[in-house]
């Protein structure tokens, strides 16, 4: 009896890590069939946007972990690794998030693959 792999799906685990402190902020997972790198990137972008507010709450904006862009704007460099279970593959993306504390806004400034391909 043959086993069909057509409906096989991979489980992805997302880790949002502050590169500068190596502190894990979130662990999440999502399951979907045979995604390509762009689908992985979209998933990671969504998570970064969702979690940027968490970073705003959890990180003291005056701390040395943030890079000061201007008087009230701070920048954080993030590394997002999507681990593909079962095939031993890790896709890593780099993101830059800026937070303006006067306007209480956060913004995803850039998002690119580890190889330097700009995605957002």
PDB file of N, CA and C in Angstrom:
ATOM      1  N   UNK A   1       0.834  -1.176   0.000  1.00  0.00           N
ATOM      2  CA  UNK A   1       0.000   0.000   0.000  1.00  0.00           C
ATOM      3  C   UNK A   1       0.885   1.248   0.000  1.00  0.00           C
ATOM      4  N   UNK A   2       0.678   2.107  -0.996  1.00  0.00           N
ATOM      5  CA  UNK A   2       1.480   3.321  -1.127  1.00  0.00           C
ATOM      6  C   UNK A   2       0.950   4.411  -0.210  1.00  0.00           C
ATOM      7  N   UNK A   3       1.866   5.171   0.339  1.00  0.00           N
ATOM      8  CA  UNK A   3       1.477   6.292   1.198  1.00  0.00           C
ATOM      9  C   UNK A   3       1.568   7.575   0.382  1.00  0.00           C
ATOM     10  N   UNK A   4       0.483   8.311   0.338  1.00  0.00           N
ATOM     11  CA  UNK A   4       0.457   9.562  -0.425  1.00  0.00           C
ATOM     12  C   UNK A   4       1.047  10.699   0.404  1.00  0.00           C
ATOM     13  N   UNK A   5       1.920  11.478  -0.232  1.00  0.00           N
ATOM     14  CA  UNK A   5       2.484  12.639   0.460  1.00  0.00           C
ATOM     15  C   UNK A   5       1.917  13.938  -0.096  1.00  0.00           C
ATOM     16  N   UNK A   6       0.926  13.834  -0.967  1.00  0.00           N
ATOM     17  CA  UNK A   6       0.354  15.028  -1.604  1.00  0.00           C
ATOM     18  C   UNK A   6      -0.273  15.973  -0.585  1.00  0.00           C
ATOM     19  N   UNK A   7      -0.870  15.415   0.457  1.00  0.00           N
ATOM     20  CA  UNK A   7      -1.539  16.269   1.439  1.00  0.00           C
ATOM     21  C   UNK A   7      -0.642  16.556   2.648  1.00  0.00           C
ATOM     22  N   UNK A   8       0.600  16.150   2.534  1.00  0.00           N
ATOM     23  CA  UNK A   8       1.533  16.337   3.641  1.00  0.00           C
ATOM     24  C   UNK A   8       1.758  17.828   3.917  1.00  0.00           C
ATOM     25  N   UNK A   9       1.762  18.201   5.159  1.00  0.00           N
ATOM     26  CA  UNK A   9       2.049  19.593   5.502  1.00  0.00           C
ATOM     27  C   UNK A   9       3.189  19.625   6.509  1.00  0.00           C
ATOM     28  N   UNK A  10       3.896  20.737   6.509  1.00  0.00           N
ATOM     29  CA  UNK A  10       5.012  20.896   7.428  1.00  0.00           C
ATOM     30  C   UNK A  10       4.588  21.791   8.582  1.00  0.00           C
ATOM     31  N   UNK A  11       5.171  21.575   9.719  1.00  0.00           N
ATOM     32  CA  UNK A  11       4.896  22.418  10.873  1.00  0.00           C
ATOM     33  C   UNK A  11       6.038  23.419  10.999  1.00  0.00           C
ATOM     34  N   UNK A  12       5.682  24.683  11.089  1.00  0.00           N
ATOM     35  CA  UNK A  12       6.683  25.731  11.197  1.00  0.00           C
ATOM     36  C   UNK A  12       6.620  26.338  12.582  1.00  0.00           C
ATOM     37  N   UNK A  13       7.764  26.590  13.150  1.00  0.00           N
ATOM     38  CA  UNK A  13       7.821  27.275  14.432  1.00  0.00           C
ATOM     39  C   UNK A  13       8.492  28.615  14.203  1.00  0.00           C
ATOM     40  N   UNK A  14       7.888  29.647  14.727  1.00  0.00           N
ATOM     41  CA  UNK A  14       8.442  30.984  14.560  1.00  0.00           C
ATOM     42  C   UNK A  14       9.065  31.447  15.867  1.00  0.00           C
ATOM     43  N   UNK A  15      10.273  31.917  15.780  1.00  0.00           N
ATOM     44  CA  UNK A  15      10.948  32.461  16.950  1.00  0.00           C
ATOM     45  C   UNK A  15      11.278  33.917  16.668  1.00  0.00           C
ATOM     46  N   UNK A  16      10.793  34.810  17.497  1.00  0.00           N
ATOM     47  CA  UNK A  16      11.118  36.219  17.367  1.00  0.00           C
ATOM     48  C   UNK A  16      12.181  36.527  18.410  1.00  0.00           C
ATOM     49  N   UNK A  17      13.342  36.888  17.949  1.00  0.00           N
ATOM     50  CA  UNK A  17      14.478  37.051  18.848  1.00  0.00           C
ATOM     51  C   UNK A  17      15.069  38.448  18.682  1.00  0.00           C
ATOM     52  N   UNK A  18      15.319  39.119  19.777  1.00  0.00           N
ATOM     53  CA  UNK A  18      16.066  40.366  19.699  1.00  0.00           C
ATOM     54  C   UNK A  18      17.528  39.994  19.573  1.00  0.00           C
ATOM     55  N   UNK A  19      18.118  40.333  18.451  1.00  0.00           N
ATOM     56  CA  UNK A  19      19.500  39.966  18.173  1.00  0.00           C
ATOM     57  C   UNK A  19      20.429  40.514  19.249  1.00  0.00           C
ATOM     58  N   UNK A  20      20.182  41.748  19.659  1.00  0.00           N
ATOM     59  CA  UNK A  20      21.101  42.410  20.570  1.00  0.00           C
ATOM     60  C   UNK A  20      21.098  41.816  21.970  1.00  0.00           C
ATOM     61  N   UNK A  21      20.013  41.189  22.370  1.00  0.00           N
ATOM     62  CA  UNK A  21      19.984  40.631  23.716  1.00  0.00           C
ATOM     63  C   UNK A  21      19.747  39.123  23.718  1.00  0.00           C
ATOM     64  N   UNK A  22      19.480  38.570  22.533  1.00  0.00           N
ATOM     65  CA  UNK A  22      19.184  37.136  22.405  1.00  0.00           C
ATOM     66  C   UNK A  22      18.035  36.694  23.308  1.00  0.00           C
ATOM     67  N   UNK A  23      17.128  37.596  23.571  1.00  0.00           N
ATOM     68  CA  UNK A  23      15.991  37.256  24.421  1.00  0.00           C
ATOM     69  C   UNK A  23      14.820  36.816  23.553  1.00  0.00           C
ATOM     70  N   UNK A  24      14.302  35.644  23.836  1.00  0.00           N
ATOM     71  CA  UNK A  24      13.176  35.141  23.052  1.00  0.00           C
ATOM     72  C   UNK A  24      11.896  35.792  23.555  1.00  0.00           C
ATOM     73  N   UNK A  25      11.203  36.490  22.666  1.00  0.00           N
ATOM     74  CA  UNK A  25       9.970  37.163  23.042  1.00  0.00           C
ATOM     75  C   UNK A  25       8.753  36.289  22.809  1.00  0.00           C
ATOM     76  N   UNK A  26       8.774  35.500  21.763  1.00  0.00           N
ATOM     77  CA  UNK A  26       7.555  34.776  21.415  1.00  0.00           C
ATOM     78  C   UNK A  26       7.907  33.483  20.721  1.00  0.00           C
ATOM     79  N   UNK A  27       7.104  32.495  20.962  1.00  0.00           N
ATOM     80  CA  UNK A  27       7.183  31.257  20.197  1.00  0.00           C
ATOM     81  C   UNK A  27       5.782  30.963  19.705  1.00  0.00           C
ATOM     82  N   UNK A  28       5.668  30.724  18.434  1.00  0.00           N
ATOM     83  CA  UNK A  28       4.362  30.417  17.887  1.00  0.00           C
ATOM     84  C   UNK A  28       4.523  29.336  16.839  1.00  0.00           C
ATOM     85  N   UNK A  29       3.445  28.826  16.342  1.00  0.00           N
ATOM     86  CA  UNK A  29       3.567  27.845  15.272  1.00  0.00           C
ATOM     87  C   UNK A  29       2.381  27.959  14.336  1.00  0.00           C
ATOM     88  N   UNK A  30       2.599  27.504  13.135  1.00  0.00           N
ATOM     89  CA  UNK A  30       1.545  27.517  12.126  1.00  0.00           C
ATOM     90  C   UNK A  30       1.771  26.310  11.231  1.00  0.00           C
ATOM     91  N   UNK A  31       0.707  25.789  10.698  1.00  0.00           N
ATOM     92  CA  UNK A  31       0.825  24.617   9.834  1.00  0.00           C
ATOM     93  C   UNK A  31       0.146  24.907   8.506  1.00  0.00           C
ATOM     94  N   UNK A  32       0.878  24.701   7.416  1.00  0.00           N
ATOM     95  CA  UNK A  32       0.256  24.840   6.105  1.00  0.00           C
ATOM     96  C   UNK A  32       1.054  24.029   5.094  1.00  0.00           C
ATOM     97  N   UNK A  33       0.416  23.590   4.012  1.00  0.00           N
ATOM     98  CA  UNK A  33       1.051  22.657   3.090  1.00  0.00           C
ATOM     99  C   UNK A  33       2.102  23.303   2.199  1.00  0.00           C
ATOM    100  N   UNK A  34       3.235  22.649   2.105  1.00  0.00           N
ATOM    101  CA  UNK A  34       4.320  22.995   1.184  1.00  0.00           C
ATOM    102  C   UNK A  34       4.464  24.479   0.866  1.00  0.00           C
ATOM    103  N   UNK A  35       4.730  25.319   1.840  1.00  0.00           N
ATOM    104  CA  UNK A  35       4.842  26.745   1.559  1.00  0.00           C
ATOM    105  C   UNK A  35       6.157  27.083   0.867  1.00  0.00           C
ATOM    106  N   UNK A  36       6.141  28.151   0.092  1.00  0.00           N
ATOM    107  CA  UNK A  36       7.394  28.614  -0.494  1.00  0.00           C
ATOM    108  C   UNK A  36       7.958  29.712   0.407  1.00  0.00           C
ATOM    109  N   UNK A  37       9.117  30.251   0.033  1.00  0.00           N
ATOM    110  CA  UNK A  37       9.777  31.229   0.893  1.00  0.00           C
ATOM    111  C   UNK A  37       8.971  32.514   1.055  1.00  0.00           C
ATOM    112  N   UNK A  38       8.236  32.908   0.022  1.00  0.00           N
ATOM    113  CA  UNK A  38       7.425  34.125   0.122  1.00  0.00           C
ATOM    114  C   UNK A  38       6.287  33.953   1.125  1.00  0.00           C
ATOM    115  N   UNK A  39       5.703  32.751   1.167  1.00  0.00           N
ATOM    116  CA  UNK A  39       4.648  32.484   2.151  1.00  0.00           C
ATOM    117  C   UNK A  39       5.218  32.521   3.564  1.00  0.00           C
ATOM    118  N   UNK A  40       6.420  31.977   3.721  1.00  0.00           N
ATOM    119  CA  UNK A  40       7.078  32.022   5.024  1.00  0.00           C
ATOM    120  C   UNK A  40       7.345  33.463   5.424  1.00  0.00           C
ATOM    121  N   UNK A  41       7.800  34.259   4.466  1.00  0.00           N
ATOM    122  CA  UNK A  41       8.097  35.663   4.742  1.00  0.00           C
ATOM    123  C   UNK A  41       6.839  36.404   5.161  1.00  0.00           C
ATOM    124  N   UNK A  42       5.735  36.150   4.470  1.00  0.00           N
ATOM    125  CA  UNK A  42       4.477  36.830   4.803  1.00  0.00           C
ATOM    126  C   UNK A  42       4.028  36.476   6.213  1.00  0.00           C
ATOM    127  N   UNK A  43       4.185  35.207   6.568  1.00  0.00           N
ATOM    128  CA  UNK A  43       3.846  34.758   7.914  1.00  0.00           C
ATOM    129  C   UNK A  43       4.708  35.482   8.949  1.00  0.00           C
ATOM    130  N   UNK A  44       6.001  35.573   8.668  1.00  0.00           N
ATOM    131  CA  UNK A  44       6.911  36.226   9.606  1.00  0.00           C
ATOM    132  C   UNK A  44       6.621  37.717   9.725  1.00  0.00           C
ATOM    133  N   UNK A  45       6.310  38.386   8.601  1.00  0.00           N
ATOM    134  CA  UNK A  45       5.967  39.812   8.624  1.00  0.00           C
ATOM    135  C   UNK A  45       4.733  40.044   9.494  1.00  0.00           C
ATOM    136  N   UNK A  46       3.735  39.191   9.325  1.00  0.00           N
ATOM    137  CA  UNK A  46       2.509  39.306  10.120  1.00  0.00           C
ATOM    138  C   UNK A  46       2.829  39.200  11.606  1.00  0.00           C
ATOM    139  N   UNK A  47       3.694  38.247  11.957  1.00  0.00           N
ATOM    140  CA  UNK A  47       4.055  38.054  13.361  1.00  0.00           C
ATOM    141  C   UNK A  47       4.828  39.249  13.904  1.00  0.00           C
ATOM    142  N   UNK A  48       5.738  39.796  13.086  1.00  0.00           N
ATOM    143  CA  UNK A  48       6.510  40.958  13.538  1.00  0.00           C
ATOM    144  C   UNK A  48       5.578  42.122  13.825  1.00  0.00           C
ATOM    145  N   UNK A  49       4.643  42.372  12.921  1.00  0.00           N
ATOM    146  CA  UNK A  49       3.694  43.469  13.124  1.00  0.00           C
ATOM    147  C   UNK A  49       2.844  43.247  14.371  1.00  0.00           C
ATOM    148  N   UNK A  50       2.444  42.005  14.580  1.00  0.00           N
ATOM    149  CA  UNK A  50       1.607  41.686  15.736  1.00  0.00           C
ATOM    150  C   UNK A  50       2.396  41.856  17.040  1.00  0.00           C
ATOM    151  N   UNK A  51       3.676  41.499  16.998  1.00  0.00           N
ATOM    152  CA  UNK A  51       4.473  41.485  18.216  1.00  0.00           C
ATOM    153  C   UNK A  51       5.220  42.781  18.481  1.00  0.00           C
ATOM    154  N   UNK A  52       5.231  43.689  17.510  1.00  0.00           N
ATOM    155  CA  UNK A  52       5.948  44.947  17.716  1.00  0.00           C
ATOM    156  C   UNK A  52       5.399  45.689  18.932  1.00  0.00           C
ATOM    157  N   UNK A  53       4.089  45.602  19.138  1.00  0.00           N
ATOM    158  CA  UNK A  53       3.487  46.264  20.295  1.00  0.00           C
ATOM    159  C   UNK A  53       3.967  45.607  21.587  1.00  0.00           C
ATOM    160  N   UNK A  54       4.145  44.298  21.553  1.00  0.00           N
ATOM    161  CA  UNK A  54       4.657  43.579  22.720  1.00  0.00           C
ATOM    162  C   UNK A  54       6.056  44.066  23.060  1.00  0.00           C
ATOM    163  N   UNK A  55       6.868  44.281  22.017  1.00  0.00           N
ATOM    164  CA  UNK A  55       8.226  44.780  22.240  1.00  0.00           C
ATOM    165  C   UNK A  55       8.157  46.161  22.894  1.00  0.00           C
ATOM    166  N   UNK A  56       7.225  46.976  22.409  1.00  0.00           N
ATOM    167  CA  UNK A  56       7.048  48.328  22.960  1.00  0.00           C
ATOM    168  C   UNK A  56       6.740  48.259  24.456  1.00  0.00           C
ATOM    169  N   UNK A  57       5.933  47.303  24.839  1.00  0.00           N
ATOM    170  CA  UNK A  57       5.552  47.160  26.243  1.00  0.00           C
ATOM    171  C   UNK A  57       6.700  46.570  27.064  1.00  0.00           C
ATOM    172  N   UNK A  58       7.369  45.568  26.517  1.00  0.00           N
ATOM    173  CA  UNK A  58       8.332  44.797  27.297  1.00  0.00           C
ATOM    174  C   UNK A  58       9.704  45.445  27.412  1.00  0.00           C
ATOM    175  N   UNK A  59      10.055  46.271  26.451  1.00  0.00           N
ATOM    176  CA  UNK A  59      11.406  46.819  26.442  1.00  0.00           C
ATOM    177  C   UNK A  59      11.379  48.271  26.883  1.00  0.00           C
ATOM    178  N   UNK A  60      12.224  48.605  27.814  1.00  0.00           N
ATOM    179  CA  UNK A  60      12.350  49.989  28.246  1.00  0.00           C
ATOM    180  C   UNK A  60      12.996  50.778  27.112  1.00  0.00           C
ATOM    181  N   UNK A  61      12.266  51.751  26.586  1.00  0.00           N
ATOM    182  CA  UNK A  61      12.753  52.484  25.419  1.00  0.00           C
ATOM    183  C   UNK A  61      14.006  53.302  25.709  1.00  0.00           C
ATOM    184  N   UNK A  62      14.287  53.543  26.963  1.00  0.00           N
ATOM    185  CA  UNK A  62      15.491  54.292  27.309  1.00  0.00           C
ATOM    186  C   UNK A  62      16.714  53.370  27.382  1.00  0.00           C
ATOM    187  N   UNK A  63      16.490  52.085  27.288  1.00  0.00           N
ATOM    188  CA  UNK A  63      17.583  51.129  27.495  1.00  0.00           C
ATOM    189  C   UNK A  63      18.594  51.174  26.360  1.00  0.00           C
ATOM    190  N   UNK A  64      19.752  50.648  26.631  1.00  0.00           N
ATOM    191  CA  UNK A  64      20.822  50.648  25.631  1.00  0.00           C
ATOM    192  C   UNK A  64      20.571  49.618  24.534  1.00  0.00           C
ATOM    193  N   UNK A  65      19.531  48.793  24.694  1.00  0.00           N
ATOM    194  CA  UNK A  65      19.226  47.794  23.670  1.00  0.00           C
ATOM    195  C   UNK A  65      18.688  48.442  22.400  1.00  0.00           C
ATOM    196  N   UNK A  66      18.047  49.597  22.560  1.00  0.00           N
ATOM    197  CA  UNK A  66      17.460  50.282  21.410  1.00  0.00           C
ATOM    198  C   UNK A  66      18.461  51.274  20.840  1.00  0.00           C
ATOM    199  N   UNK A  67      18.393  51.439  19.518  1.00  0.00           N
ATOM    200  CA  UNK A  67      19.207  52.464  18.875  1.00  0.00           C
ATOM    201  C   UNK A  67      18.340  53.706  18.744  1.00  0.00           C
ATOM    202  N   UNK A  68      18.858  54.816  19.168  1.00  0.00           N
ATOM    203  CA  UNK A  68      18.089  56.067  19.087  1.00  0.00           C
ATOM    204  C   UNK A  68      18.225  56.642  17.684  1.00  0.00           C
ATOM    205  N   UNK A  69      17.089  56.829  17.014  1.00  0.00           N
ATOM    206  CA  UNK A  69      17.065  57.392  15.666  1.00  0.00           C
ATOM    207  C   UNK A  69      16.947  58.911  15.760  1.00  0.00           C
ATOM    208  N   UNK A  70      16.069  59.373  16.626  1.00  0.00           N
ATOM    209  CA  UNK A  70      15.919  60.798  16.913  1.00  0.00           C
ATOM    210  C   UNK A  70      15.498  60.915  18.377  1.00  0.00           C
ATOM    211  N   UNK A  71      15.106  62.102  18.792  1.00  0.00           N
ATOM    212  CA  UNK A  71      14.798  62.320  20.206  1.00  0.00           C
ATOM    213  C   UNK A  71      13.778  61.325  20.761  1.00  0.00           C
ATOM    214  N   UNK A  72      12.733  61.044  19.995  1.00  0.00           N
ATOM    215  CA  UNK A  72      11.664  60.176  20.496  1.00  0.00           C
ATOM    216  C   UNK A  72      11.456  58.907  19.679  1.00  0.00           C
ATOM    217  N   UNK A  73      12.340  58.643  18.737  1.00  0.00           N
ATOM    218  CA  UNK A  73      12.190  57.458  17.889  1.00  0.00           C
ATOM    219  C   UNK A  73      13.336  56.489  18.174  1.00  0.00           C
ATOM    220  N   UNK A  74      12.972  55.241  18.419  1.00  0.00           N
ATOM    221  CA  UNK A  74      13.945  54.202  18.729  1.00  0.00           C
ATOM    222  C   UNK A  74      13.828  53.067  17.718  1.00  0.00           C
ATOM    223  N   UNK A  75      14.938  52.412  17.468  1.00  0.00           N
ATOM    224  CA  UNK A  75      14.974  51.357  16.458  1.00  0.00           C
ATOM    225  C   UNK A  75      15.449  50.050  17.090  1.00  0.00           C
ATOM    226  N   UNK A  76      14.830  48.948  16.680  1.00  0.00           N
ATOM    227  CA  UNK A  76      15.207  47.617  17.151  1.00  0.00           C
ATOM    228  C   UNK A  76      15.502  46.729  15.955  1.00  0.00           C
ATOM    229  N   UNK A  77      16.595  45.982  16.014  1.00  0.00           N
ATOM    230  CA  UNK A  77      16.898  45.005  14.973  1.00  0.00           C
ATOM    231  C   UNK A  77      16.446  43.639  15.457  1.00  0.00           C
ATOM    232  N   UNK A  78      15.666  42.966  14.640  1.00  0.00           N
ATOM    233  CA  UNK A  78      15.128  41.664  15.015  1.00  0.00           C
ATOM    234  C   UNK A  78      15.568  40.602  14.035  1.00  0.00           C
ATOM    235  N   UNK A  79      15.701  39.399  14.522  1.00  0.00           N
ATOM    236  CA  UNK A  79      15.982  38.253  13.672  1.00  0.00           C
ATOM    237  C   UNK A  79      14.832  37.274  13.844  1.00  0.00           C
ATOM    238  N   UNK A  80      14.243  36.862  12.735  1.00  0.00           N
ATOM    239  CA  UNK A  80      13.118  35.935  12.786  1.00  0.00           C
ATOM    240  C   UNK A  80      13.545  34.645  12.108  1.00  0.00           C
ATOM    241  N   UNK A  81      13.544  33.567  12.840  1.00  0.00           N
ATOM    242  CA  UNK A  81      13.904  32.274  12.266  1.00  0.00           C
ATOM    243  C   UNK A  81      12.669  31.399  12.189  1.00  0.00           C
ATOM    244  N   UNK A  82      12.391  30.899  11.003  1.00  0.00           N
ATOM    245  CA  UNK A  82      11.282  29.969  10.826  1.00  0.00           C
ATOM    246  C   UNK A  82      11.898  28.592  10.645  1.00  0.00           C
ATOM    247  N   UNK A  83      11.656  27.723  11.600  1.00  0.00           N
ATOM    248  CA  UNK A  83      12.225  26.380  11.575  1.00  0.00           C
ATOM    249  C   UNK A  83      11.235  25.420  10.935  1.00  0.00           C
ATOM    250  N   UNK A  84      11.691  24.710   9.918  1.00  0.00           N
ATOM    251  CA  UNK A  84      10.831  23.736   9.254  1.00  0.00           C
ATOM    252  C   UNK A  84      11.137  22.372   9.853  1.00  0.00           C
ATOM    253  N   UNK A  85      10.207  21.877  10.620  1.00  0.00           N
ATOM    254  CA  UNK A  85      10.401  20.587  11.275  1.00  0.00           C
ATOM    255  C   UNK A  85      10.350  19.463  10.255  1.00  0.00           C
ATOM    256  N   UNK A  86      11.151  18.458  10.477  1.00  0.00           N
ATOM    257  CA  UNK A  86      11.097  17.271   9.634  1.00  0.00           C
ATOM    258  C   UNK A  86      12.045  17.331   8.450  1.00  0.00           C
ATOM    259  N   UNK A  87      12.437  18.545   8.054  1.00  0.00           N
ATOM    260  CA  UNK A  87      13.374  18.644   6.927  1.00  0.00           C
ATOM    261  C   UNK A  87      14.647  19.378   7.339  1.00  0.00           C
ATOM    262  N   UNK A  88      14.769  19.669   8.624  1.00  0.00           N
ATOM    263  CA  UNK A  88      15.959  20.314   9.177  1.00  0.00           C
ATOM    264  C   UNK A  88      16.384  21.554   8.414  1.00  0.00           C
ATOM    265  N   UNK A  89      15.434  22.434   8.150  1.00  0.00           N
ATOM    266  CA  UNK A  89      15.741  23.664   7.435  1.00  0.00           C
ATOM    267  C   UNK A  89      15.290  24.848   8.276  1.00  0.00           C
ATOM    268  N   UNK A  90      16.128  25.859   8.338  1.00  0.00           N
ATOM    269  CA  UNK A  90      15.777  27.087   9.046  1.00  0.00           C
ATOM    270  C   UNK A  90      15.884  28.243   8.066  1.00  0.00           C
ATOM    271  N   UNK A  91      14.809  29.010   7.928  1.00  0.00           N
ATOM    272  CA  UNK A  91      14.823  30.198   7.087  1.00  0.00           C
ATOM    273  C   UNK A  91      14.837  31.394   8.024  1.00  0.00           C
ATOM    274  N   UNK A  92      15.844  32.246   7.880  1.00  0.00           N
ATOM    275  CA  UNK A  92      15.991  33.381   8.783  1.00  0.00           C
ATOM    276  C   UNK A  92      15.764  34.689   8.045  1.00  0.00           C
ATOM    277  N   UNK A  93      15.029  35.584   8.678  1.00  0.00           N
ATOM    278  CA  UNK A  93      14.757  36.911   8.119  1.00  0.00           C
ATOM    279  C   UNK A  93      15.238  37.965   9.102  1.00  0.00           C
ATOM    280  N   UNK A  94      15.594  39.120   8.587  1.00  0.00           N
ATOM    281  CA  UNK A  94      16.021  40.239   9.421  1.00  0.00           C
ATOM    282  C   UNK A  94      14.992  41.350   9.305  1.00  0.00           C
ATOM    283  N   UNK A  95      14.623  41.943  10.412  1.00  0.00           N
ATOM    284  CA  UNK A  95      13.635  43.021  10.393  1.00  0.00           C
ATOM    285  C   UNK A  95      14.123  44.182  11.240  1.00  0.00           C
ATOM    286  N   UNK A  96      13.711  45.375  10.857  1.00  0.00           N
ATOM    287  CA  UNK A  96      13.997  46.565  11.647  1.00  0.00           C
ATOM    288  C   UNK A  96      12.661  47.201  12.015  1.00  0.00           C
ATOM    289  N   UNK A  97      12.445  47.407  13.298  1.00  0.00           N
ATOM    290  CA  UNK A  97      11.205  48.016  13.778  1.00  0.00           C
ATOM    291  C   UNK A  97      11.546  49.349  14.433  1.00  0.00           C
ATOM    292  N   UNK A  98      10.797  50.389  14.074  1.00  0.00           N
ATOM    293  CA  UNK A  98      10.985  51.693  14.708  1.00  0.00           C
ATOM    294  C   UNK A  98       9.767  52.026  15.559  1.00  0.00           C
ATOM    295  N   UNK A  99      10.019  52.610  16.707  1.00  0.00           N
ATOM    296  CA  UNK A  99       8.945  52.984  17.620  1.00  0.00           C
ATOM    297  C   UNK A  99       9.054  54.470  17.936  1.00  0.00           C
ATOM    298  N   UNK A 100       7.972  55.190  17.692  1.00  0.00           N
ATOM    299  CA  UNK A 100       7.899  56.618  18.017  1.00  0.00           C
ATOM    300  C   UNK A 100       7.070  56.742  19.285  1.00  0.00           C
ATOM    301  N   UNK A 101       7.713  57.044  20.385  1.00  0.00           N
ATOM    302  CA  UNK A 101       6.975  57.022  21.653  1.00  0.00           C
ATOM    303  C   UNK A 101       6.085  58.241  21.843  1.00  0.00           C
ATOM    304  N   UNK A 102       6.328  59.346  21.114  1.00  0.00           N
ATOM    305  CA  UNK A 102       5.437  60.507  21.254  1.00  0.00           C
ATOM    306  C   UNK A 102       4.102  60.238  20.585  1.00  0.00           C
ATOM    307  N   UNK A 103       4.144  59.560  19.445  1.00  0.00           N
ATOM    308  CA  UNK A 103       2.899  59.261  18.720  1.00  0.00           C
ATOM    309  C   UNK A 103       2.351  57.893  19.108  1.00  0.00           C
ATOM    310  N   UNK A 104       3.091  57.168  19.968  1.00  0.00           N
ATOM    311  CA  UNK A 104       2.698  55.823  20.376  1.00  0.00           C
ATOM    312  C   UNK A 104       2.485  54.929  19.156  1.00  0.00           C
ATOM    313  N   UNK A 105       3.430  55.025  18.199  1.00  0.00           N
ATOM    314  CA  UNK A 105       3.333  54.255  16.959  1.00  0.00           C
ATOM    315  C   UNK A 105       4.540  53.348  16.820  1.00  0.00           C
ATOM    316  N   UNK A 106       4.337  52.223  16.141  1.00  0.00           N
ATOM    317  CA  UNK A 106       5.461  51.379  15.776  1.00  0.00           C
ATOM    318  C   UNK A 106       5.338  51.058  14.303  1.00  0.00           C
ATOM    319  N   UNK A 107       6.464  50.835  13.663  1.00  0.00           N
ATOM    320  CA  UNK A 107       6.455  50.655  12.225  1.00  0.00           C
ATOM    321  C   UNK A 107       7.528  49.655  11.819  1.00  0.00           C
ATOM    322  N   UNK A 108       7.153  48.748  10.939  1.00  0.00           N
ATOM    323  CA  UNK A 108       8.120  47.821  10.373  1.00  0.00           C
ATOM    324  C   UNK A 108       8.828  48.555   9.245  1.00  0.00           C
ATOM    325  N   UNK A 109      10.114  48.819   9.415  1.00  0.00           N
ATOM    326  CA  UNK A 109      10.859  49.632   8.455  1.00  0.00           C
ATOM    327  C   UNK A 109      11.396  48.791   7.311  1.00  0.00           C
ATOM    328  N   UNK A 110      11.989  47.669   7.631  1.00  0.00           N
ATOM    329  CA  UNK A 110      12.534  46.815   6.573  1.00  0.00           C
ATOM    330  C   UNK A 110      12.420  45.357   6.978  1.00  0.00           C
ATOM    331  N   UNK A 111      12.419  44.517   5.976  1.00  0.00           N
ATOM    332  CA  UNK A 111      12.280  43.082   6.204  1.00  0.00           C
ATOM    333  C   UNK A 111      12.989  42.382   5.061  1.00  0.00           C
ATOM    334  N   UNK A 112      14.004  41.608   5.350  1.00  0.00           N
ATOM    335  CA  UNK A 112      14.726  40.949   4.266  1.00  0.00           C
ATOM    336  C   UNK A 112      15.206  39.569   4.688  1.00  0.00           C
ATOM    337  N   UNK A 113      15.494  38.764   3.692  1.00  0.00           N
ATOM    338  CA  UNK A 113      15.992  37.420   3.973  1.00  0.00           C
ATOM    339  C   UNK A 113      17.446  37.523   4.413  1.00  0.00           C
ATOM    340  N   UNK A 114      17.939  36.478   5.025  1.00  0.00           N
ATOM    341  CA  UNK A 114      19.322  36.443   5.502  1.00  0.00           C
ATOM    342  C   UNK A 114      20.293  36.647   4.332  1.00  0.00           C
ATOM    343  N   UNK A 115      19.866  36.252   3.143  1.00  0.00           N
ATOM    344  CA  UNK A 115      20.712  36.399   1.962  1.00  0.00           C
ATOM    345  C   UNK A 115      20.697  37.834   1.431  1.00  0.00           C
ATOM    346  N   UNK A 116      19.904  38.706   2.041  1.00  0.00           N
ATOM    347  CA  UNK A 116      19.892  40.101   1.646  1.00  0.00           C
ATOM    348  C   UNK A 116      18.763  40.487   0.710  1.00  0.00           C
ATOM    349  N   UNK A 117      17.921  39.517   0.327  1.00  0.00           N
ATOM    350  CA  UNK A 117      16.802  39.840  -0.566  1.00  0.00           C
ATOM    351  C   UNK A 117      15.774  40.647   0.219  1.00  0.00           C
ATOM    352  N   UNK A 118      15.469  41.854  -0.258  1.00  0.00           N
ATOM    353  CA  UNK A 118      14.513  42.709   0.441  1.00  0.00           C
ATOM    354  C   UNK A 118      13.100  42.239   0.136  1.00  0.00           C
ATOM    355  N   UNK A 119      12.332  41.991   1.195  1.00  0.00           N
ATOM    356  CA  UNK A 119      10.976  41.466   1.057  1.00  0.00           C
ATOM    357  C   UNK A 119       9.957  42.556   1.335  1.00  0.00           C
ATOM    358  N   UNK A 120      10.276  43.444   2.248  1.00  0.00           N
ATOM    359  CA  UNK A 120       9.322  44.497   2.625  1.00  0.00           C
ATOM    360  C   UNK A 120      10.072  45.796   2.767  1.00  0.00           C
TER     361      UNK A 120
END
